[in-house]
Structures are given as C-alpha cells and as structure tokens.
Amino acid sequence: MGTFAAMISIEPHELSTAKLHGYLLGAVSPRPICFASTVDSEGNVNLSPFSFFNVFSARPPILVFSPARRGRDNTTKHTYENVLEVPEVAINIVSFNMVQQVSLSSTEYAKGVNEFTKAGFTEIPSELIKPPRVAEAPVQLECKVNDVIKLGTEGGAGNLVICEVVKLHIKEEILGEDGSIDPFKIDTVSRLGGNWYSRAKAGLFEVPKPLTTLGMGVDSLPEEIRRSKVLTGNDLGMLGNVENFPNSEEINTFINASEELKKLVASNNSEAIHKRAQQFLCDGKVGEAWKILLATQ
C-alpha cells in the first residue's frame, strides 16, 4: 500500500480566516452548487450560488445550504437576509452550460439589483413559493425554509438554511430510459478550492455499493496480496469487496484458456502477476483479477 507522505498539522486558531477557508474548500471537494433564488419583504429578487450545500433527507426532502458571513468585513449576504424576511427559496441545479453565468451572478451587486438580469438568466414563476426559478437549470426545487441556524458571529461563520422541498421540476431531456436522472445528460458542475470547478460527466466512474453483499474485507486477503508493492489501496478495496474466492476449477479453466496467462503464472513473477491483476481491476474485472492472483497460491 506504499509509504505515507509527510504531513503538516495545524490547529484552526493558528490560521487566518482566509487561509483556513482556503484549506477547507480545497480539501472538502468537489462540492455541489446551490443556485439560490430568494426575495425580500418588498419582492426584490436575489440570485446567488453557494457551494456549502447538500441533500440530507429524502422524507422529508431536506436540503441545506450555508451563506457564510463575509470574512473581510463580517457582513451578511442578501440571500441570508432574504430568507429571514421571506422563508422560501428556489434551489436551481447548475449544469456545465450555465457555469459562466452562475459565476457572474456571484458578483456582489448592491441590494435590490436582480442577478437574473445581470447574468442573463430567465425568470420563471414558481408554483408554491414567491422566489422565481431559473429556466435554464436542469432541475429546479421549490423549498420552504424550516429553520436558519447561526453557526457563529465572526467573519467566515456559516448560517445553515434548512430547506424542505415542496415541489420538484425536472427537465425531461436529462432523464434516461429508466426515468432516472442520467448523470451524463444533467452534466452538473461542482466547486473546488480557489477558482477551480469540476465537471461531473468528464470523469464519471462507478463504485458498486456493498449493500447486498458482505465483502470479505481487506483484512481477509492473503498476506502476499495485502502487502503488495504494486496493488494500491483502491485495488485492495475492490478485491476485498467480494464474498468468496474463486475455486480451483474456475482458476484453472481461466488460466488454461490463455497462453499469455499460462506463461505469466509459470514465471512465478509476483510483481508481473500483480500488475496483470491490476489491469483486470482497472477494467472492472474483479473475478479475473482474483483468478490470476490465486493461480500461484
């Protein structure tokens, strides 16, 4: 599994707010983007993105985002002020083809300036709440605000806006044949540290969830495999997510069907065998990886 790299260790109070903020955002990433539309008590619309955001419950359907106090002057954001006046918010999901406009909308315009207009987005009325939705967004979620929890009073302190979804709007064009949201079609983006974003569909991969199987675990792997200088932690995790080893008949049938594998096993070169198993794992062929690894056991 390799050696561990050198680390720096810091307590938060030793850092400036800006430096701490930068470390946290760089580490806790990528983060989904809440593109929040709110209104104040006079009906003025505000639209702003937040990357302190996620879903926390399905029934009730709860989303939480956090408009933090500004680090430089400890002032609060219009979105936060608006949800205290009118406890409703339209949360719009951000796709790649919106990201430049979304970034523009984060400009700190004066109160009362409509970011829909500034960023070139189309307002469409919500059905159950006052704030409008973003027509360009692939998913639009009408929410009532159940609670706002202040996390502190200093610059950089967050304010948890706990939202309950009362209506969902999903564009049919992002649905797959099975009716679920296709990750390639929705093409969401997320935030990292600094100016960095990531695009979900540019690097998608699947990791099967061990919900219906009871994986044997890395601790159950043969010691030679567990201490491999070739296989990574991810490789060992894949190997440990199976319930049973292949039997000797399955192993022999697999190896004898390939001249390449027969020669490799005959060489008894563990490093080369582990590299070949790693290639199988990269292709998602966990069973094949196990068969070549166990062929020389």
Protein backbone atom coordinates (compact mmCIF):
# COMPACT_ATOMS: atom_id res chain seq x y z
CA MET A 1 0.00 0.00 0.00
CA GLY A 2 3.09 2.24 -0.06
CA THR A 3 4.58 4.64 2.46
CA PHE A 4 2.79 7.61 3.96
CA ALA A 5 3.76 11.10 2.81
CA ALA A 6 4.92 13.79 5.22
CA MET A 7 2.10 15.93 6.64
CA ILE A 8 1.70 19.33 8.23
CA SER A 9 -0.58 19.54 11.26
CA ILE A 10 -2.29 22.80 12.18
CA GLU A 11 -4.93 23.89 14.68
CA PRO A 12 -7.58 26.21 13.19
CA HIS A 13 -6.80 29.08 15.58
CA GLU A 14 -3.26 29.22 14.16
CA LEU A 15 -4.56 30.23 10.73
CA SER A 16 -6.10 33.39 9.35
CA THR A 17 -9.74 33.04 8.29
CA ALA A 18 -8.74 33.31 4.63
CA LYS A 19 -6.09 30.58 4.93
CA LEU A 20 -8.40 28.27 6.89
CA HIS A 21 -11.17 28.88 4.39
CA GLY A 22 -8.82 28.00 1.55
CA TYR A 23 -7.67 24.75 3.14
CA LEU A 24 -11.23 23.64 3.91
CA LEU A 25 -12.53 24.40 0.41
CA GLY A 26 -9.54 22.78 -1.23
CA ALA A 27 -9.90 19.63 0.87
CA VAL A 28 -13.67 19.19 1.05
CA SER A 29 -14.23 18.96 -2.68
CA PRO A 30 -15.84 18.70 -5.09
CA ARG A 31 -18.95 20.33 -3.65
CA PRO A 32 -22.35 20.63 -5.39
CA ILE A 33 -23.63 24.12 -6.10
CA CYS A 34 -26.85 25.57 -4.71
CA PHE A 35 -28.02 28.32 -7.06
CA ALA A 36 -30.47 30.06 -4.73
CA SER A 37 -33.22 32.46 -5.71
CA THR A 38 -34.81 34.44 -2.88
CA VAL A 39 -36.93 37.55 -2.40
CA ASP A 40 -37.03 40.18 0.32
CA SER A 41 -40.14 41.52 2.01
CA GLU A 42 -40.57 44.10 -0.77
CA GLY A 43 -40.39 41.47 -3.52
CA ASN A 44 -36.86 42.26 -4.75
CA VAL A 45 -35.27 39.15 -6.26
CA ASN A 46 -31.77 37.92 -5.47
CA LEU A 47 -29.91 35.07 -7.18
CA SER A 48 -26.62 33.70 -5.85
CA PRO A 49 -24.56 30.46 -5.84
CA PHE A 50 -23.36 28.64 -2.71
CA SER A 51 -21.13 25.60 -2.53
CA PHE A 52 -21.73 24.84 1.15
CA PHE A 53 -24.68 22.68 0.10
CA ASN A 54 -26.09 19.17 0.02
CA VAL A 55 -29.15 16.94 0.45
CA PHE A 56 -29.69 15.47 3.93
CA SER A 57 -33.03 13.66 3.88
CA ALA A 58 -35.48 12.17 1.40
CA ARG A 59 -38.63 12.01 3.52
CA PRO A 60 -38.97 14.76 4.43
CA PRO A 61 -36.92 16.02 1.45
CA ILE A 62 -34.38 18.32 3.09
CA LEU A 63 -31.61 20.40 1.50
CA VAL A 64 -29.20 22.55 3.49
CA PHE A 65 -27.01 25.38 2.24
CA SER A 66 -24.96 27.95 4.10
CA PRO A 67 -24.49 31.61 3.16
CA ALA A 68 -21.47 32.45 5.32
CA ARG A 69 -20.64 35.83 6.83
CA ARG A 70 -18.03 37.62 4.74
CA GLY A 71 -14.54 37.09 6.08
CA ARG A 72 -13.21 40.51 5.15
CA ASP A 73 -15.84 42.69 6.89
CA ASN A 74 -18.19 40.28 8.72
CA THR A 75 -21.24 41.41 6.76
CA THR A 76 -24.08 39.06 5.79
CA LYS A 77 -25.26 38.18 2.30
CA HIS A 78 -28.53 39.23 0.74
CA THR A 79 -29.65 35.62 0.43
CA TYR A 80 -29.34 35.14 4.19
CA GLU A 81 -31.18 38.39 4.90
CA ASN A 82 -33.93 37.47 2.44
CA VAL A 83 -34.71 34.01 3.88
CA LEU A 84 -35.14 35.63 7.30
CA GLU A 85 -37.70 38.02 5.79
CA VAL A 86 -39.37 35.56 3.40
CA PRO A 87 -38.59 31.94 4.41
CA GLU A 88 -38.70 30.46 0.93
CA VAL A 89 -36.04 29.66 -1.68
CA ALA A 90 -35.85 28.20 -5.18
CA ILE A 91 -32.75 26.00 -5.42
CA ASN A 92 -31.59 25.58 -9.00
CA ILE A 93 -29.10 22.88 -10.00
CA VAL A 94 -26.12 24.09 -12.04
CA SER A 95 -25.11 22.38 -15.29
CA PHE A 96 -21.96 22.99 -17.31
CA ASN A 97 -23.64 25.19 -19.90
CA MET A 98 -24.67 27.64 -17.14
CA VAL A 99 -21.44 27.86 -15.17
CA GLN A 100 -20.03 31.10 -16.58
CA GLN A 101 -23.31 32.94 -15.97
CA VAL A 102 -23.55 31.44 -12.48
CA SER A 103 -20.08 32.75 -11.71
CA LEU A 104 -21.10 36.20 -12.95
CA SER A 105 -24.14 36.18 -10.67
CA SER A 106 -21.84 35.79 -7.64
CA THR A 107 -20.67 39.38 -8.19
CA GLU A 108 -21.61 41.41 -5.11
CA TYR A 109 -24.13 43.76 -6.66
CA ALA A 110 -25.96 46.26 -4.48
CA LYS A 111 -29.12 45.18 -2.68
CA GLY A 112 -32.11 45.38 -4.99
CA VAL A 113 -30.12 44.55 -8.14
CA ASN A 114 -31.60 41.49 -9.86
CA GLU A 115 -28.87 38.97 -10.72
CA PHE A 116 -31.22 37.24 -13.16
CA THR A 117 -30.88 40.34 -15.33
CA LYS A 118 -27.17 40.87 -14.71
CA ALA A 119 -26.23 37.26 -15.50
CA GLY A 120 -28.71 36.83 -18.36
CA PHE A 121 -30.90 34.13 -16.81
CA THR A 122 -34.61 33.69 -17.45
CA GLU A 123 -37.02 34.07 -14.55
CA ILE A 124 -39.99 31.71 -14.45
CA PRO A 125 -42.58 31.84 -11.67
CA SER A 126 -42.60 29.16 -9.01
CA GLU A 127 -45.90 27.45 -8.26
CA LEU A 128 -45.86 27.20 -4.46
CA ILE A 129 -43.34 29.84 -3.36
CA LYS A 130 -42.60 33.51 -4.11
CA PRO A 131 -38.99 33.32 -5.42
CA PRO A 132 -38.77 32.61 -9.16
CA ARG A 133 -36.90 29.67 -10.72
CA VAL A 134 -34.05 29.70 -13.24
CA ALA A 135 -35.47 28.43 -16.54
CA GLU A 136 -32.05 27.30 -17.76
CA ALA A 137 -31.46 24.99 -14.77
CA PRO A 138 -32.00 21.26 -15.48
CA VAL A 139 -33.62 20.77 -12.06
CA GLN A 140 -35.44 23.42 -10.03
CA LEU A 141 -36.53 22.77 -6.44
CA GLU A 142 -39.12 24.93 -4.74
CA CYS A 143 -38.44 24.99 -1.00
CA LYS A 144 -39.81 26.40 2.21
CA VAL A 145 -37.24 27.32 4.84
CA ASN A 146 -37.81 25.30 8.01
CA ASP A 147 -35.02 26.82 10.07
CA VAL A 148 -31.93 29.02 9.93
CA ILE A 149 -29.13 28.11 12.33
CA LYS A 150 -26.38 30.66 13.01
CA LEU A 151 -23.02 28.94 13.46
CA GLY A 152 -21.14 31.97 14.77
CA THR A 153 -20.78 35.73 14.75
CA GLU A 154 -17.28 36.17 13.30
CA GLY A 155 -16.38 36.66 9.66
CA GLY A 156 -16.47 33.29 7.91
CA ALA A 157 -19.20 31.87 10.15
CA GLY A 158 -21.87 29.94 8.30
CA ASN A 159 -25.64 30.08 8.58
CA LEU A 160 -27.38 26.79 7.91
CA VAL A 161 -30.52 27.34 5.85
CA ILE A 162 -32.58 24.17 6.25
CA CYS A 163 -34.94 23.84 3.31
CA GLU A 164 -37.81 21.44 2.70
CA VAL A 165 -38.59 20.72 -0.95
CA VAL A 166 -42.27 21.30 -1.69
CA LYS A 167 -42.11 20.86 -5.48
CA LEU A 168 -39.57 19.47 -7.95
CA HIS A 169 -39.23 20.49 -11.60
CA ILE A 170 -37.06 18.20 -13.75
CA LYS A 171 -36.39 18.66 -17.45
CA GLU A 172 -37.34 15.50 -19.34
CA GLU A 173 -34.25 15.82 -21.55
CA ILE A 174 -31.96 14.84 -18.64
CA LEU A 175 -33.80 11.57 -17.91
CA GLY A 176 -32.53 8.18 -19.02
CA GLU A 177 -34.63 5.38 -20.45
CA ASP A 178 -35.40 4.12 -16.95
CA GLY A 179 -36.80 7.50 -15.92
CA SER A 180 -33.96 8.36 -13.54
CA ILE A 181 -31.63 11.33 -13.95
CA ASP A 182 -28.79 10.46 -16.34
CA PRO A 183 -25.51 11.89 -14.94
CA PHE A 184 -24.18 12.49 -18.45
CA LYS A 185 -27.29 14.38 -19.53
CA ILE A 186 -27.61 16.57 -16.45
CA ASP A 187 -23.90 17.45 -16.80
CA THR A 188 -23.54 19.04 -13.38
CA VAL A 189 -20.54 21.02 -12.20
CA SER A 190 -19.09 21.37 -8.73
CA ARG A 191 -16.72 23.65 -6.82
CA LEU A 192 -13.25 23.00 -5.53
CA GLY A 193 -10.80 25.41 -3.95
CA GLY A 194 -9.85 28.80 -5.42
CA ASN A 195 -11.20 29.34 -8.91
CA TRP A 196 -11.49 25.62 -9.68
CA TYR A 197 -14.59 23.74 -10.79
CA SER A 198 -15.08 20.17 -11.89
CA ARG A 199 -17.45 18.74 -14.48
CA ALA A 200 -19.09 15.50 -13.38
CA LYS A 201 -19.53 13.82 -16.74
CA ALA A 202 -15.92 14.43 -17.78
CA GLY A 203 -14.66 11.78 -15.39
CA LEU A 204 -17.50 9.54 -14.25
CA PHE A 205 -16.86 6.11 -12.84
CA GLU A 206 -18.92 3.68 -10.78
CA VAL A 207 -18.08 2.00 -7.48
CA PRO A 208 -20.57 -0.77 -6.59
CA LYS A 209 -22.07 -0.17 -3.15
CA PRO A 210 -21.63 -3.16 -0.78
CA LEU A 211 -25.28 -3.13 0.29
CA THR A 212 -26.47 -6.55 -0.89
CA THR A 213 -23.16 -8.36 -0.42
CA LEU A 214 -20.94 -8.88 2.59
CA GLY A 215 -17.43 -8.28 1.29
CA MET A 216 -14.71 -10.36 2.92
CA GLY A 217 -12.67 -7.19 3.68
CA VAL A 218 -9.05 -6.27 3.07
CA ASP A 219 -8.07 -7.98 6.33
CA SER A 220 -9.13 -11.32 4.85
CA LEU A 221 -6.85 -11.08 1.81
CA PRO A 222 -3.77 -13.32 1.63
CA GLU A 223 -0.79 -11.56 3.17
CA GLU A 224 1.21 -11.53 -0.07
CA ILE A 225 -1.62 -9.66 -1.78
CA ARG A 226 -2.29 -7.35 1.18
CA ARG A 227 1.38 -6.31 1.30
CA SER A 228 1.76 -5.99 -2.47
CA LYS A 229 4.08 -3.23 -3.70
CA VAL A 230 2.01 -2.99 -6.88
CA LEU A 231 -1.61 -3.09 -5.77
CA THR A 232 -2.98 0.17 -4.37
CA GLY A 233 -5.48 0.73 -1.58
CA ASN A 234 -8.21 1.09 -4.20
CA ASP A 235 -7.17 -2.23 -5.74
CA LEU A 236 -7.29 -3.96 -2.36
CA GLY A 237 -10.69 -2.41 -1.67
CA MET A 238 -12.06 -3.91 -4.89
CA LEU A 239 -10.57 -7.31 -4.06
CA GLY A 240 -11.98 -7.18 -0.54
CA ASN A 241 -15.49 -6.39 -1.80
CA VAL A 242 -16.17 -9.98 -2.91
CA GLU A 243 -17.81 -12.61 -0.73
CA ASN A 244 -15.89 -15.69 -1.85
CA PHE A 245 -12.67 -16.68 -3.58
CA PRO A 246 -12.98 -18.45 -6.97
CA ASN A 247 -12.49 -22.19 -6.67
CA SER A 248 -9.54 -24.10 -8.16
CA GLU A 249 -11.55 -25.37 -11.13
CA GLU A 250 -12.59 -21.82 -12.07
CA ILE A 251 -8.99 -20.64 -11.72
CA ASN A 252 -7.52 -23.45 -13.85
CA THR A 253 -10.14 -23.06 -16.59
CA PHE A 254 -9.47 -19.33 -16.79
CA ILE A 255 -5.66 -19.58 -16.83
CA ASN A 256 -5.53 -22.50 -19.30
CA ALA A 257 -7.69 -20.62 -21.80
CA SER A 258 -4.91 -18.07 -22.39
CA GLU A 259 -1.30 -18.75 -23.44
CA GLU A 260 -0.32 -15.34 -22.11
CA LEU A 261 -1.69 -16.10 -18.64
CA LYS A 262 -0.24 -19.62 -18.58
CA LYS A 263 3.25 -18.23 -19.27
CA LEU A 264 2.77 -15.48 -16.71
CA VAL A 265 1.72 -17.90 -13.98
CA ALA A 266 4.56 -20.29 -14.90
CA SER A 267 7.06 -17.48 -14.46
CA ASN A 268 6.01 -17.14 -10.82
CA ASN A 269 6.92 -13.44 -11.07
CA SER A 270 4.69 -11.97 -8.37
CA GLU A 271 5.27 -8.36 -9.45
CA ALA A 272 4.26 -9.11 -13.05
CA ILE A 273 1.27 -11.15 -11.87
CA HIS A 274 0.11 -8.33 -9.60
CA LYS A 275 0.45 -5.82 -12.46
CA ARG A 276 -1.69 -8.04 -14.69
CA ALA A 277 -4.26 -8.37 -11.92
CA GLN A 278 -4.24 -4.60 -11.58
CA GLN A 279 -5.05 -4.27 -15.29
CA PHE A 280 -8.04 -6.52 -14.78
CA LEU A 281 -9.15 -4.36 -11.83
CA CYS A 282 -8.82 -1.21 -13.93
CA ASP A 283 -11.23 -2.82 -16.39
CA GLY A 284 -13.62 -3.70 -13.57
CA LYS A 285 -12.89 -7.43 -13.90
CA VAL A 286 -12.52 -8.32 -10.24
CA GLY A 287 -13.16 -12.04 -10.73
CA GLU A 288 -10.43 -12.31 -13.35
CA ALA A 289 -8.01 -10.41 -11.08
CA TRP A 290 -8.67 -12.88 -8.28
CA LYS A 291 -8.12 -15.88 -10.56
CA ILE A 292 -4.68 -14.79 -11.69
CA LEU A 293 -3.67 -13.75 -8.17
CA LEU A 294 -4.66 -17.13 -6.73
CA ALA A 295 -3.22 -19.19 -9.58
CA THR A 296 0.15 -19.38 -7.85
CA GLN A 297 -1.11 -19.70 -4.27
